[in-house]
């Protein structure tokens, strides 16, 4: 009997969770999102209608979804350029590491020379 009660309580809870949010809940969620974005304040969004907030929210979401990271390539031609530039940066890093190793070797030689003088 107890299992049956738990089962039906679980079904009721799932039914409530699956139910779409009402307009007021949607408005609150969208205005909260917009308040956390730069450029929107609570006082600006307080007396705006649902449709206006939805338009602002859609505009912001479109801007966020259309974002393209600097790493990614849109055109194949630019991909070749970025790959070649990556190779150059790798080679520059390696030369920097080699220079560090050479400077460490020089310091050791200088230290050995100072010890020999003493």
PDB file of N, CA and C in Angstrom:
ATOM      1  N   UNK A   1       0.823  -1.188   0.000  1.00  0.00           N
ATOM      2  CA  UNK A   1       0.000   0.000   0.000  1.00  0.00           C
ATOM      3  C   UNK A   1       0.873   1.261   0.000  1.00  0.00           C
ATOM      4  N   UNK A   2       1.949   1.218   0.774  1.00  0.00           N
ATOM      5  CA  UNK A   2       2.845   2.358   0.875  1.00  0.00           C
ATOM      6  C   UNK A   2       3.556   2.615  -0.458  1.00  0.00           C
ATOM      7  N   UNK A   3       3.946   1.544  -1.150  1.00  0.00           N
ATOM      8  CA  UNK A   3       4.588   1.671  -2.459  1.00  0.00           C
ATOM      9  C   UNK A   3       3.652   2.352  -3.450  1.00  0.00           C
ATOM     10  N   UNK A   4       2.409   1.970  -3.380  1.00  0.00           N
ATOM     11  CA  UNK A   4       1.419   2.527  -4.306  1.00  0.00           C
ATOM     12  C   UNK A   4       1.250   4.036  -4.079  1.00  0.00           C
ATOM     13  N   UNK A   5       1.203   4.470  -2.826  1.00  0.00           N
ATOM     14  CA  UNK A   5       1.088   5.895  -2.516  1.00  0.00           C
ATOM     15  C   UNK A   5       2.297   6.664  -3.046  1.00  0.00           C
ATOM     16  N   UNK A   6       3.479   6.093  -2.826  1.00  0.00           N
ATOM     17  CA  UNK A   6       4.695   6.744  -3.299  1.00  0.00           C
ATOM     18  C   UNK A   6       4.715   6.835  -4.823  1.00  0.00           C
ATOM     19  N   UNK A   7       4.239   5.780  -5.473  1.00  0.00           N
ATOM     20  CA  UNK A   7       4.218   5.758  -6.934  1.00  0.00           C
ATOM     21  C   UNK A   7       3.321   6.869  -7.483  1.00  0.00           C
ATOM     22  N   UNK A   8       2.121   7.009  -6.941  1.00  0.00           N
ATOM     23  CA  UNK A   8       1.199   8.022  -7.432  1.00  0.00           C
ATOM     24  C   UNK A   8       1.662   9.433  -7.060  1.00  0.00           C
ATOM     25  N   UNK A   9       2.309   9.574  -5.920  1.00  0.00           N
ATOM     26  CA  UNK A   9       2.867  10.878  -5.548  1.00  0.00           C
ATOM     27  C   UNK A   9       3.977  11.267  -6.530  1.00  0.00           C
ATOM     28  N   UNK A  10       4.771  10.269  -6.923  1.00  0.00           N
ATOM     29  CA  UNK A  10       5.833  10.511  -7.896  1.00  0.00           C
ATOM     30  C   UNK A  10       5.246  10.942  -9.242  1.00  0.00           C
ATOM     31  N   UNK A  11       4.178  10.271  -9.671  1.00  0.00           N
ATOM     32  CA  UNK A  11       3.526  10.635 -10.930  1.00  0.00           C
ATOM     33  C   UNK A  11       2.946  12.049 -10.889  1.00  0.00           C
ATOM     34  N   UNK A  12       2.340  12.419  -9.754  1.00  0.00           N
ATOM     35  CA  UNK A  12       1.799  13.773  -9.626  1.00  0.00           C
ATOM     36  C   UNK A  12       2.913  14.823  -9.692  1.00  0.00           C
ATOM     37  N   UNK A  13       4.031  14.535  -9.037  1.00  0.00           N
ATOM     38  CA  UNK A  13       5.155  15.467  -9.037  1.00  0.00           C
ATOM     39  C   UNK A  13       5.726  15.624 -10.451  1.00  0.00           C
ATOM     40  N   UNK A  14       5.835  14.536 -11.194  1.00  0.00           N
ATOM     41  CA  UNK A  14       6.330  14.603 -12.571  1.00  0.00           C
ATOM     42  C   UNK A  14       5.377  15.402 -13.455  1.00  0.00           C
ATOM     43  N   UNK A  15       4.083  15.231 -13.235  1.00  0.00           N
ATOM     44  CA  UNK A  15       3.087  15.963 -14.012  1.00  0.00           C
ATOM     45  C   UNK A  15       3.237  17.461 -13.784  1.00  0.00           C
ATOM     46  N   UNK A  16       3.467  17.858 -12.537  1.00  0.00           N
ATOM     47  CA  UNK A  16       3.642  19.272 -12.210  1.00  0.00           C
ATOM     48  C   UNK A  16       4.929  19.808 -12.845  1.00  0.00           C
ATOM     49  N   UNK A  17       6.003  19.015 -12.813  1.00  0.00           N
ATOM     50  CA  UNK A  17       7.273  19.453 -13.372  1.00  0.00           C
ATOM     51  C   UNK A  17       7.216  19.596 -14.889  1.00  0.00           C
ATOM     52  N   UNK A  18       6.465  18.724 -15.556  1.00  0.00           N
ATOM     53  CA  UNK A  18       6.363  18.773 -17.011  1.00  0.00           C
ATOM     54  C   UNK A  18       5.493  19.916 -17.505  1.00  0.00           C
ATOM     55  N   UNK A  19       4.687  20.439 -16.654  1.00  0.00           N
ATOM     56  CA  UNK A  19       3.779  21.505 -17.033  1.00  0.00           C
ATOM     57  C   UNK A  19       4.584  22.746 -17.422  1.00  0.00           C
ATOM     58  N   UNK A  20       4.294  23.372 -18.568  1.00  0.00           N
ATOM     59  CA  UNK A  20       5.070  24.548 -18.970  1.00  0.00           C
ATOM     60  C   UNK A  20       4.831  25.716 -18.019  1.00  0.00           C
ATOM     61  N   UNK A  21       5.848  26.575 -17.863  1.00  0.00           N
ATOM     62  CA  UNK A  21       5.691  27.710 -16.937  1.00  0.00           C
ATOM     63  C   UNK A  21       4.661  28.709 -17.468  1.00  0.00           C
ATOM     64  N   UNK A  22       3.988  29.374 -16.559  1.00  0.00           N
ATOM     65  CA  UNK A  22       3.006  30.388 -16.948  1.00  0.00           C
ATOM     66  C   UNK A  22       3.761  31.657 -17.371  1.00  0.00           C
ATOM     67  N   UNK A  23       3.046  32.613 -17.955  1.00  0.00           N
ATOM     68  CA  UNK A  23       3.696  33.813 -18.487  1.00  0.00           C
ATOM     69  C   UNK A  23       4.449  34.583 -17.408  1.00  0.00           C
ATOM     70  N   UNK A  24       3.891  34.649 -16.220  1.00  0.00           N
ATOM     71  CA  UNK A  24       4.546  35.382 -15.140  1.00  0.00           C
ATOM     72  C   UNK A  24       5.868  34.720 -14.765  1.00  0.00           C
ATOM     73  N   UNK A  25       5.885  33.379 -14.743  1.00  0.00           N
ATOM     74  CA  UNK A  25       7.128  32.677 -14.441  1.00  0.00           C
ATOM     75  C   UNK A  25       8.161  32.895 -15.543  1.00  0.00           C
ATOM     76  N   UNK A  26       7.688  32.851 -16.792  1.00  0.00           N
ATOM     77  CA  UNK A  26       8.598  33.099 -17.910  1.00  0.00           C
ATOM     78  C   UNK A  26       9.158  34.516 -17.851  1.00  0.00           C
ATOM     79  N   UNK A  27       8.297  35.471 -17.543  1.00  0.00           N
ATOM     80  CA  UNK A  27       8.723  36.866 -17.448  1.00  0.00           C
ATOM     81  C   UNK A  27       9.773  37.029 -16.363  1.00  0.00           C
ATOM     82  N   UNK A  28       9.559  36.398 -15.228  1.00  0.00           N
ATOM     83  CA  UNK A  28      10.530  36.467 -14.132  1.00  0.00           C
ATOM     84  C   UNK A  28      11.865  35.851 -14.531  1.00  0.00           C
ATOM     85  N   UNK A  29      11.827  34.701 -15.214  1.00  0.00           N
ATOM     86  CA  UNK A  29      13.057  34.048 -15.637  1.00  0.00           C
ATOM     87  C   UNK A  29      13.820  34.903 -16.650  1.00  0.00           C
ATOM     88  N   UNK A  30      13.084  35.461 -17.628  1.00  0.00           N
ATOM     89  CA  UNK A  30      13.736  36.286 -18.645  1.00  0.00           C
ATOM     90  C   UNK A  30      14.292  37.569 -18.049  1.00  0.00           C
ATOM     91  N   UNK A  31      13.557  38.198 -17.146  1.00  0.00           N
ATOM     92  CA  UNK A  31      14.052  39.439 -16.549  1.00  0.00           C
ATOM     93  C   UNK A  31      15.253  39.161 -15.645  1.00  0.00           C
ATOM     94  N   UNK A  32      15.279  38.027 -14.984  1.00  0.00           N
ATOM     95  CA  UNK A  32      16.437  37.655 -14.174  1.00  0.00           C
ATOM     96  C   UNK A  32      17.658  37.467 -15.062  1.00  0.00           C
ATOM     97  N   UNK A  33      17.467  36.808 -16.193  1.00  0.00           N
ATOM     98  CA  UNK A  33      18.575  36.620 -17.135  1.00  0.00           C
ATOM     99  C   UNK A  33      19.076  37.975 -17.635  1.00  0.00           C
ATOM    100  N   UNK A  34      18.146  38.840 -18.004  1.00  0.00           N
ATOM    101  CA  UNK A  34      18.533  40.147 -18.530  1.00  0.00           C
ATOM    102  C   UNK A  34      19.221  41.004 -17.468  1.00  0.00           C
ATOM    103  N   UNK A  35      18.793  40.900 -16.211  1.00  0.00           N
ATOM    104  CA  UNK A  35      19.438  41.662 -15.138  1.00  0.00           C
ATOM    105  C   UNK A  35      20.876  41.234 -14.948  1.00  0.00           C
ATOM    106  N   UNK A  36      21.165  39.968 -15.217  1.00  0.00           N
ATOM    107  CA  UNK A  36      22.530  39.478 -15.068  1.00  0.00           C
ATOM    108  C   UNK A  36      23.395  39.787 -16.283  1.00  0.00           C
ATOM    109  N   UNK A  37      22.786  40.256 -17.352  1.00  0.00           N
ATOM    110  CA  UNK A  37      23.538  40.678 -18.530  1.00  0.00           C
ATOM    111  C   UNK A  37      23.913  42.146 -18.354  1.00  0.00           C
ATOM    112  N   UNK A  38      25.056  42.558 -18.878  1.00  0.00           N
ATOM    113  CA  UNK A  38      25.417  43.978 -18.754  1.00  0.00           C
ATOM    114  C   UNK A  38      24.476  44.849 -19.580  1.00  0.00           C
ATOM    115  N   UNK A  39      24.102  45.973 -19.024  1.00  0.00           N
ATOM    116  CA  UNK A  39      23.274  46.927 -19.752  1.00  0.00           C
ATOM    117  C   UNK A  39      21.830  46.977 -19.314  1.00  0.00           C
ATOM    118  N   UNK A  40      21.383  46.053 -18.482  1.00  0.00           N
ATOM    119  CA  UNK A  40      19.996  46.036 -18.033  1.00  0.00           C
ATOM    120  C   UNK A  40      19.952  46.123 -16.511  1.00  0.00           C
ATOM    121  N   UNK A  41      19.100  46.990 -16.014  1.00  0.00           N
ATOM    122  CA  UNK A  41      18.921  47.153 -14.568  1.00  0.00           C
ATOM    123  C   UNK A  41      17.508  46.753 -14.179  1.00  0.00           C
ATOM    124  N   UNK A  42      17.309  46.495 -12.913  1.00  0.00           N
ATOM    125  CA  UNK A  42      15.999  46.092 -12.400  1.00  0.00           C
ATOM    126  C   UNK A  42      14.952  47.172 -12.649  1.00  0.00           C
ATOM    127  N   UNK A  43      15.341  48.423 -12.463  1.00  0.00           N
ATOM    128  CA  UNK A  43      14.376  49.518 -12.648  1.00  0.00           C
ATOM    129  C   UNK A  43      13.931  49.633 -14.097  1.00  0.00           C
ATOM    130  N   UNK A  44      14.803  49.274 -15.041  1.00  0.00           N
ATOM    131  CA  UNK A  44      14.431  49.320 -16.450  1.00  0.00           C
ATOM    132  C   UNK A  44      13.416  48.235 -16.796  1.00  0.00           C
ATOM    133  N   UNK A  45      13.547  47.085 -16.170  1.00  0.00           N
ATOM    134  CA  UNK A  45      12.715  45.933 -16.516  1.00  0.00           C
ATOM    135  C   UNK A  45      11.450  45.827 -15.676  1.00  0.00           C
ATOM    136  N   UNK A  46      11.334  46.639 -14.649  1.00  0.00           N
ATOM    137  CA  UNK A  46      10.248  46.489 -13.683  1.00  0.00           C
ATOM    138  C   UNK A  46       8.870  46.709 -14.294  1.00  0.00           C
ATOM    139  N   UNK A  47       8.683  47.750 -15.075  1.00  0.00           N
ATOM    140  CA  UNK A  47       7.360  48.087 -15.581  1.00  0.00           C
ATOM    141  C   UNK A  47       7.186  47.787 -17.072  1.00  0.00           C
ATOM    142  N   UNK A  48       7.954  46.843 -17.582  1.00  0.00           N
ATOM    143  CA  UNK A  48       7.875  46.488 -18.999  1.00  0.00           C
ATOM    144  C   UNK A  48       6.937  45.291 -19.157  1.00  0.00           C
ATOM    145  N   UNK A  49       6.208  45.255 -20.261  1.00  0.00           N
ATOM    146  CA  UNK A  49       5.264  44.161 -20.505  1.00  0.00           C
ATOM    147  C   UNK A  49       6.003  42.879 -20.886  1.00  0.00           C
ATOM    148  N   UNK A  50       5.258  41.799 -20.901  1.00  0.00           N
ATOM    149  CA  UNK A  50       5.816  40.488 -21.218  1.00  0.00           C
ATOM    150  C   UNK A  50       6.396  40.466 -22.630  1.00  0.00           C
ATOM    151  N   UNK A  51       5.679  41.024 -23.590  1.00  0.00           N
ATOM    152  CA  UNK A  51       6.130  41.011 -24.983  1.00  0.00           C
ATOM    153  C   UNK A  51       7.430  41.792 -25.168  1.00  0.00           C
ATOM    154  N   UNK A  52       7.543  42.929 -24.501  1.00  0.00           N
ATOM    155  CA  UNK A  52       8.754  43.733 -24.615  1.00  0.00           C
ATOM    156  C   UNK A  52       9.953  43.023 -23.998  1.00  0.00           C
ATOM    157  N   UNK A  53       9.728  42.387 -22.850  1.00  0.00           N
ATOM    158  CA  UNK A  53      10.812  41.632 -22.217  1.00  0.00           C
ATOM    159  C   UNK A  53      11.205  40.451 -23.090  1.00  0.00           C
ATOM    160  N   UNK A  54      10.208  39.814 -23.701  1.00  0.00           N
ATOM    161  CA  UNK A  54      10.500  38.685 -24.571  1.00  0.00           C
ATOM    162  C   UNK A  54      11.314  39.129 -25.788  1.00  0.00           C
ATOM    163  N   UNK A  55      11.012  40.290 -26.332  1.00  0.00           N
ATOM    164  CA  UNK A  55      11.785  40.816 -27.461  1.00  0.00           C
ATOM    165  C   UNK A  55      13.228  41.092 -27.051  1.00  0.00           C
ATOM    166  N   UNK A  56      13.419  41.714 -25.875  1.00  0.00           N
ATOM    167  CA  UNK A  56      14.772  41.969 -25.377  1.00  0.00           C
ATOM    168  C   UNK A  56      15.527  40.672 -25.127  1.00  0.00           C
ATOM    169  N   UNK A  57      14.831  39.709 -24.535  1.00  0.00           N
ATOM    170  CA  UNK A  57      15.447  38.418 -24.234  1.00  0.00           C
ATOM    171  C   UNK A  57      15.848  37.704 -25.520  1.00  0.00           C
ATOM    172  N   UNK A  58      14.967  37.703 -26.521  1.00  0.00           N
ATOM    173  CA  UNK A  58      15.281  37.052 -27.796  1.00  0.00           C
ATOM    174  C   UNK A  58      16.475  37.715 -28.472  1.00  0.00           C
ATOM    175  N   UNK A  59      16.541  39.046 -28.387  1.00  0.00           N
ATOM    176  CA  UNK A  59      17.667  39.771 -28.973  1.00  0.00           C
ATOM    177  C   UNK A  59      18.976  39.373 -28.298  1.00  0.00           C
ATOM    178  N   UNK A  60      18.972  39.289 -26.972  1.00  0.00           N
ATOM    179  CA  UNK A  60      20.174  38.902 -26.233  1.00  0.00           C
ATOM    180  C   UNK A  60      20.565  37.453 -26.520  1.00  0.00           C
ATOM    181  N   UNK A  61      19.576  36.575 -26.573  1.00  0.00           N
ATOM    182  CA  UNK A  61      19.875  35.165 -26.852  1.00  0.00           C
ATOM    183  C   UNK A  61      20.426  35.000 -28.262  1.00  0.00           C
ATOM    184  N   UNK A  62      19.917  35.754 -29.199  1.00  0.00           N
ATOM    185  CA  UNK A  62      20.429  35.696 -30.572  1.00  0.00           C
ATOM    186  C   UNK A  62      21.882  36.153 -30.596  1.00  0.00           C
ATOM    187  N   UNK A  63      22.174  37.216 -29.835  1.00  0.00           N
ATOM    188  CA  UNK A  63      23.548  37.714 -29.769  1.00  0.00           C
ATOM    189  C   UNK A  63      24.477  36.682 -29.138  1.00  0.00           C
ATOM    190  N   UNK A  64      24.009  36.042 -28.083  1.00  0.00           N
ATOM    191  CA  UNK A  64      24.838  35.042 -27.396  1.00  0.00           C
ATOM    192  C   UNK A  64      25.040  33.818 -28.279  1.00  0.00           C
ATOM    193  N   UNK A  65      23.987  33.357 -28.940  1.00  0.00           N
ATOM    194  CA  UNK A  65      24.091  32.154 -29.769  1.00  0.00           C
ATOM    195  C   UNK A  65      24.872  32.383 -31.048  1.00  0.00           C
ATOM    196  N   UNK A  66      24.965  33.622 -31.516  1.00  0.00           N
ATOM    197  CA  UNK A  66      25.716  33.898 -32.729  1.00  0.00           C
ATOM    198  C   UNK A  66      27.189  34.176 -32.446  1.00  0.00           C
ATOM    199  N   UNK A  67      27.597  34.085 -31.203  1.00  0.00           N
ATOM    200  CA  UNK A  67      28.984  34.336 -30.826  1.00  0.00           C
ATOM    201  C   UNK A  67      29.897  33.294 -31.450  1.00  0.00           C
ATOM    202  N   UNK A  68      30.983  33.760 -32.053  1.00  0.00           N
ATOM    203  CA  UNK A  68      31.968  32.872 -32.648  1.00  0.00           C
ATOM    204  C   UNK A  68      33.288  33.132 -31.947  1.00  0.00           C
ATOM    205  N   UNK A  69      33.876  32.122 -31.319  1.00  0.00           N
ATOM    206  CA  UNK A  69      35.148  32.324 -30.633  1.00  0.00           C
ATOM    207  C   UNK A  69      36.251  32.721 -31.611  1.00  0.00           C
ATOM    208  N   UNK A  70      37.258  33.394 -31.110  1.00  0.00           N
ATOM    209  CA  UNK A  70      38.348  33.847 -31.966  1.00  0.00           C
ATOM    210  C   UNK A  70      39.145  32.670 -32.525  1.00  0.00           C
ATOM    211  N   UNK A  71      39.165  31.550 -31.823  1.00  0.00           N
ATOM    212  CA  UNK A  71      39.937  30.389 -32.261  1.00  0.00           C
ATOM    213  C   UNK A  71      39.328  29.745 -33.498  1.00  0.00           C
ATOM    214  N   UNK A  72      37.997  29.721 -33.556  1.00  0.00           N
ATOM    215  CA  UNK A  72      37.340  28.997 -34.634  1.00  0.00           C
ATOM    216  C   UNK A  72      37.456  29.766 -35.941  1.00  0.00           C
ATOM    217  N   UNK A  73      37.421  29.004 -37.020  1.00  0.00           N
ATOM    218  CA  UNK A  73      37.546  29.596 -38.335  1.00  0.00           C
ATOM    219  C   UNK A  73      36.210  29.494 -39.045  1.00  0.00           C
ATOM    220  N   UNK A  74      35.816  30.566 -39.695  1.00  0.00           N
ATOM    221  CA  UNK A  74      34.568  30.587 -40.435  1.00  0.00           C
ATOM    222  C   UNK A  74      34.835  30.221 -41.890  1.00  0.00           C
ATOM    223  N   UNK A  75      35.936  30.696 -42.436  1.00  0.00           N
ATOM    224  CA  UNK A  75      36.277  30.460 -43.835  1.00  0.00           C
ATOM    225  C   UNK A  75      37.483  29.539 -43.879  1.00  0.00           C
ATOM    226  N   UNK A  76      37.559  28.685 -44.902  1.00  0.00           N
ATOM    227  CA  UNK A  76      38.669  27.738 -44.997  1.00  0.00           C
ATOM    228  C   UNK A  76      39.993  28.451 -45.216  1.00  0.00           C
ATOM    229  N   UNK A  77      39.985  29.562 -45.932  1.00  0.00           N
ATOM    230  CA  UNK A  77      41.212  30.310 -46.180  1.00  0.00           C
ATOM    231  C   UNK A  77      41.820  30.825 -44.892  1.00  0.00           C
ATOM    232  N   UNK A  78      40.979  31.284 -44.002  1.00  0.00           N
ATOM    233  CA  UNK A  78      41.494  31.780 -42.734  1.00  0.00           C
ATOM    234  C   UNK A  78      42.001  30.637 -41.866  1.00  0.00           C
ATOM    235  N   UNK A  79      41.465  29.425 -42.092  1.00  0.00           N
ATOM    236  CA  UNK A  79      41.918  28.264 -41.324  1.00  0.00           C
ATOM    237  C   UNK A  79      43.386  27.999 -41.612  1.00  0.00           C
ATOM    238  N   UNK A  80      43.774  28.099 -42.880  1.00  0.00           N
ATOM    239  CA  UNK A  80      45.172  27.870 -43.238  1.00  0.00           C
ATOM    240  C   UNK A  80      46.060  28.907 -42.586  1.00  0.00           C
ATOM    241  N   UNK A  81      45.577  30.139 -42.557  1.00  0.00           N
ATOM    242  CA  UNK A  81      46.358  31.202 -41.937  1.00  0.00           C
ATOM    243  C   UNK A  81      46.546  30.949 -40.448  1.00  0.00           C
ATOM    244  N   UNK A  82      45.481  30.533 -39.782  1.00  0.00           N
ATOM    245  CA  UNK A  82      45.594  30.319 -38.343  1.00  0.00           C
ATOM    246  C   UNK A  82      46.473  29.109 -38.037  1.00  0.00           C
ATOM    247  N   UNK A  83      46.410  28.077 -38.889  1.00  0.00           N
ATOM    248  CA  UNK A  83      47.270  26.919 -38.660  1.00  0.00           C
ATOM    249  C   UNK A  83      48.729  27.302 -38.807  1.00  0.00           C
ATOM    250  N   UNK A  84      49.042  28.117 -39.823  1.00  0.00           N
ATOM    251  CA  UNK A  84      50.426  28.530 -40.003  1.00  0.00           C
ATOM    252  C   UNK A  84      50.874  29.432 -38.857  1.00  0.00           C
ATOM    253  N   UNK A  85      49.967  30.277 -38.372  1.00  0.00           N
ATOM    254  CA  UNK A  85      50.339  31.142 -37.258  1.00  0.00           C
ATOM    255  C   UNK A  85      50.530  30.322 -35.989  1.00  0.00           C
ATOM    256  N   UNK A  86      49.751  29.244 -35.838  1.00  0.00           N
ATOM    257  CA  UNK A  86      49.940  28.371 -34.667  1.00  0.00           C
ATOM    258  C   UNK A  86      51.304  27.715 -34.707  1.00  0.00           C
ATOM    259  N   UNK A  87      51.724  27.283 -35.903  1.00  0.00           N
ATOM    260  CA  UNK A  87      53.040  26.658 -36.037  1.00  0.00           C
ATOM    261  C   UNK A  87      54.136  27.660 -35.683  1.00  0.00           C
ATOM    262  N   UNK A  88      53.941  28.913 -36.109  1.00  0.00           N
ATOM    263  CA  UNK A  88      54.929  29.931 -35.794  1.00  0.00           C
ATOM    264  C   UNK A  88      55.022  30.158 -34.297  1.00  0.00           C
ATOM    265  N   UNK A  89      53.884  30.190 -33.612  1.00  0.00           N
ATOM    266  CA  UNK A  89      53.919  30.421 -32.174  1.00  0.00           C
ATOM    267  C   UNK A  89      54.569  29.248 -31.464  1.00  0.00           C
ATOM    268  N   UNK A  90      54.336  28.018 -31.978  1.00  0.00           N
ATOM    269  CA  UNK A  90      54.971  26.853 -31.370  1.00  0.00           C
ATOM    270  C   UNK A  90      56.466  26.941 -31.555  1.00  0.00           C
ATOM    271  N   UNK A  91      56.899  27.329 -32.766  1.00  0.00           N
ATOM    272  CA  UNK A  91      58.337  27.436 -33.001  1.00  0.00           C
ATOM    273  C   UNK A  91      58.933  28.557 -32.150  1.00  0.00           C
ATOM    274  N   UNK A  92      58.199  29.655 -31.974  1.00  0.00           N
ATOM    275  CA  UNK A  92      58.685  30.738 -31.127  1.00  0.00           C
ATOM    276  C   UNK A  92      58.823  30.260 -29.692  1.00  0.00           C
ATOM    277  N   UNK A  93      57.876  29.455 -29.233  1.00  0.00           N
ATOM    278  CA  UNK A  93      57.954  28.944 -27.866  1.00  0.00           C
ATOM    279  C   UNK A  93      59.155  28.039 -27.711  1.00  0.00           C
ATOM    280  N   UNK A  94      59.405  27.229 -28.723  1.00  0.00           N
ATOM    281  CA  UNK A  94      60.547  26.325 -28.633  1.00  0.00           C
ATOM    282  C   UNK A  94      61.839  27.111 -28.608  1.00  0.00           C
ATOM    283  N   UNK A  95      61.939  28.130 -29.441  1.00  0.00           N
ATOM    284  CA  UNK A  95      63.161  28.925 -29.424  1.00  0.00           C
ATOM    285  C   UNK A  95      63.323  29.614 -28.083  1.00  0.00           C
ATOM    286  N   UNK A  96      62.220  30.032 -27.482  1.00  0.00           N
ATOM    287  CA  UNK A  96      62.291  30.642 -26.159  1.00  0.00           C
ATOM    288  C   UNK A  96      62.802  29.651 -25.128  1.00  0.00           C
ATOM    289  N   UNK A  97      62.334  28.403 -25.222  1.00  0.00           N
ATOM    290  CA  UNK A  97      62.796  27.372 -24.289  1.00  0.00           C
ATOM    291  C   UNK A  97      64.281  27.092 -24.506  1.00  0.00           C
ATOM    292  N   UNK A  98      64.692  27.055 -25.777  1.00  0.00           N
ATOM    293  CA  UNK A  98      66.102  26.816 -26.064  1.00  0.00           C
ATOM    294  C   UNK A  98      66.961  27.947 -25.526  1.00  0.00           C
ATOM    295  N   UNK A  99      66.473  29.179 -25.642  1.00  0.00           N
ATOM    296  CA  UNK A  99      67.216  30.316 -25.115  1.00  0.00           C
ATOM    297  C   UNK A  99      67.343  30.214 -23.598  1.00  0.00           C
ATOM    298  N   UNK A 100      66.291  29.784 -22.943  1.00  0.00           N
ATOM    299  CA  UNK A 100      66.350  29.610 -21.498  1.00  0.00           C
ATOM    300  C   UNK A 100      67.405  28.582 -21.119  1.00  0.00           C
ATOM    301  N   UNK A 101      67.440  27.482 -21.880  1.00  0.00           N
ATOM    302  CA  UNK A 101      68.427  26.435 -21.598  1.00  0.00           C
ATOM    303  C   UNK A 101      69.843  26.973 -21.797  1.00  0.00           C
ATOM    304  N   UNK A 102      70.035  27.767 -22.873  1.00  0.00           N
ATOM    305  CA  UNK A 102      71.358  28.325 -23.135  1.00  0.00           C
ATOM    306  C   UNK A 102      71.772  29.287 -22.029  1.00  0.00           C
ATOM    307  N   UNK A 103      70.824  30.087 -21.535  1.00  0.00           N
ATOM    308  CA  UNK A 103      71.170  31.035 -20.477  1.00  0.00           C
ATOM    309  C   UNK A 103      71.528  30.298 -19.188  1.00  0.00           C
ATOM    310  N   UNK A 104      70.845  29.170 -18.921  1.00  0.00           N
ATOM    311  CA  UNK A 104      71.173  28.380 -17.741  1.00  0.00           C
ATOM    312  C   UNK A 104      72.574  27.792 -17.882  1.00  0.00           C
ATOM    313  N   UNK A 105      72.912  27.323 -19.088  1.00  0.00           N
ATOM    314  CA  UNK A 105      74.248  26.766 -19.323  1.00  0.00           C
ATOM    315  C   UNK A 105      75.314  27.842 -19.135  1.00  0.00           C
ATOM    316  N   UNK A 106      75.025  29.066 -19.630  1.00  0.00           N
ATOM    317  CA  UNK A 106      75.981  30.170 -19.481  1.00  0.00           C
ATOM    318  C   UNK A 106      76.201  30.495 -18.006  1.00  0.00           C
ATOM    319  N   UNK A 107      75.116  30.499 -17.257  1.00  0.00           N
ATOM    320  CA  UNK A 107      75.242  30.789 -15.825  1.00  0.00           C
ATOM    321  C   UNK A 107      76.096  29.741 -15.142  1.00  0.00           C
ATOM    322  N   UNK A 108      75.912  28.476 -15.527  1.00  0.00           N
ATOM    323  CA  UNK A 108      76.711  27.417 -14.926  1.00  0.00           C
ATOM    324  C   UNK A 108      78.184  27.598 -15.268  1.00  0.00           C
ATOM    325  N   UNK A 109      78.446  27.944 -16.544  1.00  0.00           N
ATOM    326  CA  UNK A 109      79.835  28.157 -16.950  1.00  0.00           C
ATOM    327  C   UNK A 109      80.453  29.336 -16.200  1.00  0.00           C
ATOM    328  N   UNK A 110      79.681  30.400 -16.034  1.00  0.00           N
ATOM    329  CA  UNK A 110      80.182  31.569 -15.309  1.00  0.00           C
ATOM    330  C   UNK A 110      80.450  31.220 -13.851  1.00  0.00           C
ATOM    331  N   UNK A 111      79.547  30.424 -13.254  1.00  0.00           N
ATOM    332  CA  UNK A 111      79.739  30.013 -11.869  1.00  0.00           C
ATOM    333  C   UNK A 111      80.991  29.142 -11.740  1.00  0.00           C
ATOM    334  N   UNK A 112      81.180  28.241 -12.701  1.00  0.00           N
ATOM    335  CA  UNK A 112      82.388  27.398 -12.676  1.00  0.00           C
ATOM    336  C   UNK A 112      83.652  28.221 -12.831  1.00  0.00           C
ATOM    337  N   UNK A 113      83.592  29.240 -13.694  1.00  0.00           N
ATOM    338  CA  UNK A 113      84.760  30.103 -13.900  1.00  0.00           C
ATOM    339  C   UNK A 113      85.064  30.881 -12.630  1.00  0.00           C
ATOM    340  N   UNK A 114      84.039  31.359 -11.941  1.00  0.00           N
ATOM    341  CA  UNK A 114      84.259  32.087 -10.693  1.00  0.00           C
ATOM    342  C   UNK A 114      84.867  31.175  -9.627  1.00  0.00           C
ATOM    343  N   UNK A 115      84.395  29.941  -9.572  1.00  0.00           N
ATOM    344  CA  UNK A 115      84.950  28.990  -8.604  1.00  0.00           C
ATOM    345  C   UNK A 115      86.416  28.713  -8.902  1.00  0.00           C
ATOM    346  N   UNK A 116      86.742  28.612 -10.191  1.00  0.00           N
ATOM    347  CA  UNK A 116      88.124  28.341 -10.574  1.00  0.00           C
ATOM    348  C   UNK A 116      89.033  29.508 -10.187  1.00  0.00           C
ATOM    349  N   UNK A 117      88.503  30.753 -10.334  1.00  0.00           N
ATOM    350  CA  UNK A 117      89.298  31.919  -9.963  1.00  0.00           C
ATOM    351  C   UNK A 117      89.578  31.955  -8.472  1.00  0.00           C
ATOM    352  N   UNK A 118      88.602  31.533  -7.660  1.00  0.00           N
ATOM    353  CA  UNK A 118      88.767  31.568  -6.226  1.00  0.00           C
ATOM    354  C   UNK A 118      89.744  30.504  -5.803  1.00  0.00           C
TER     355      UNK A 118
END
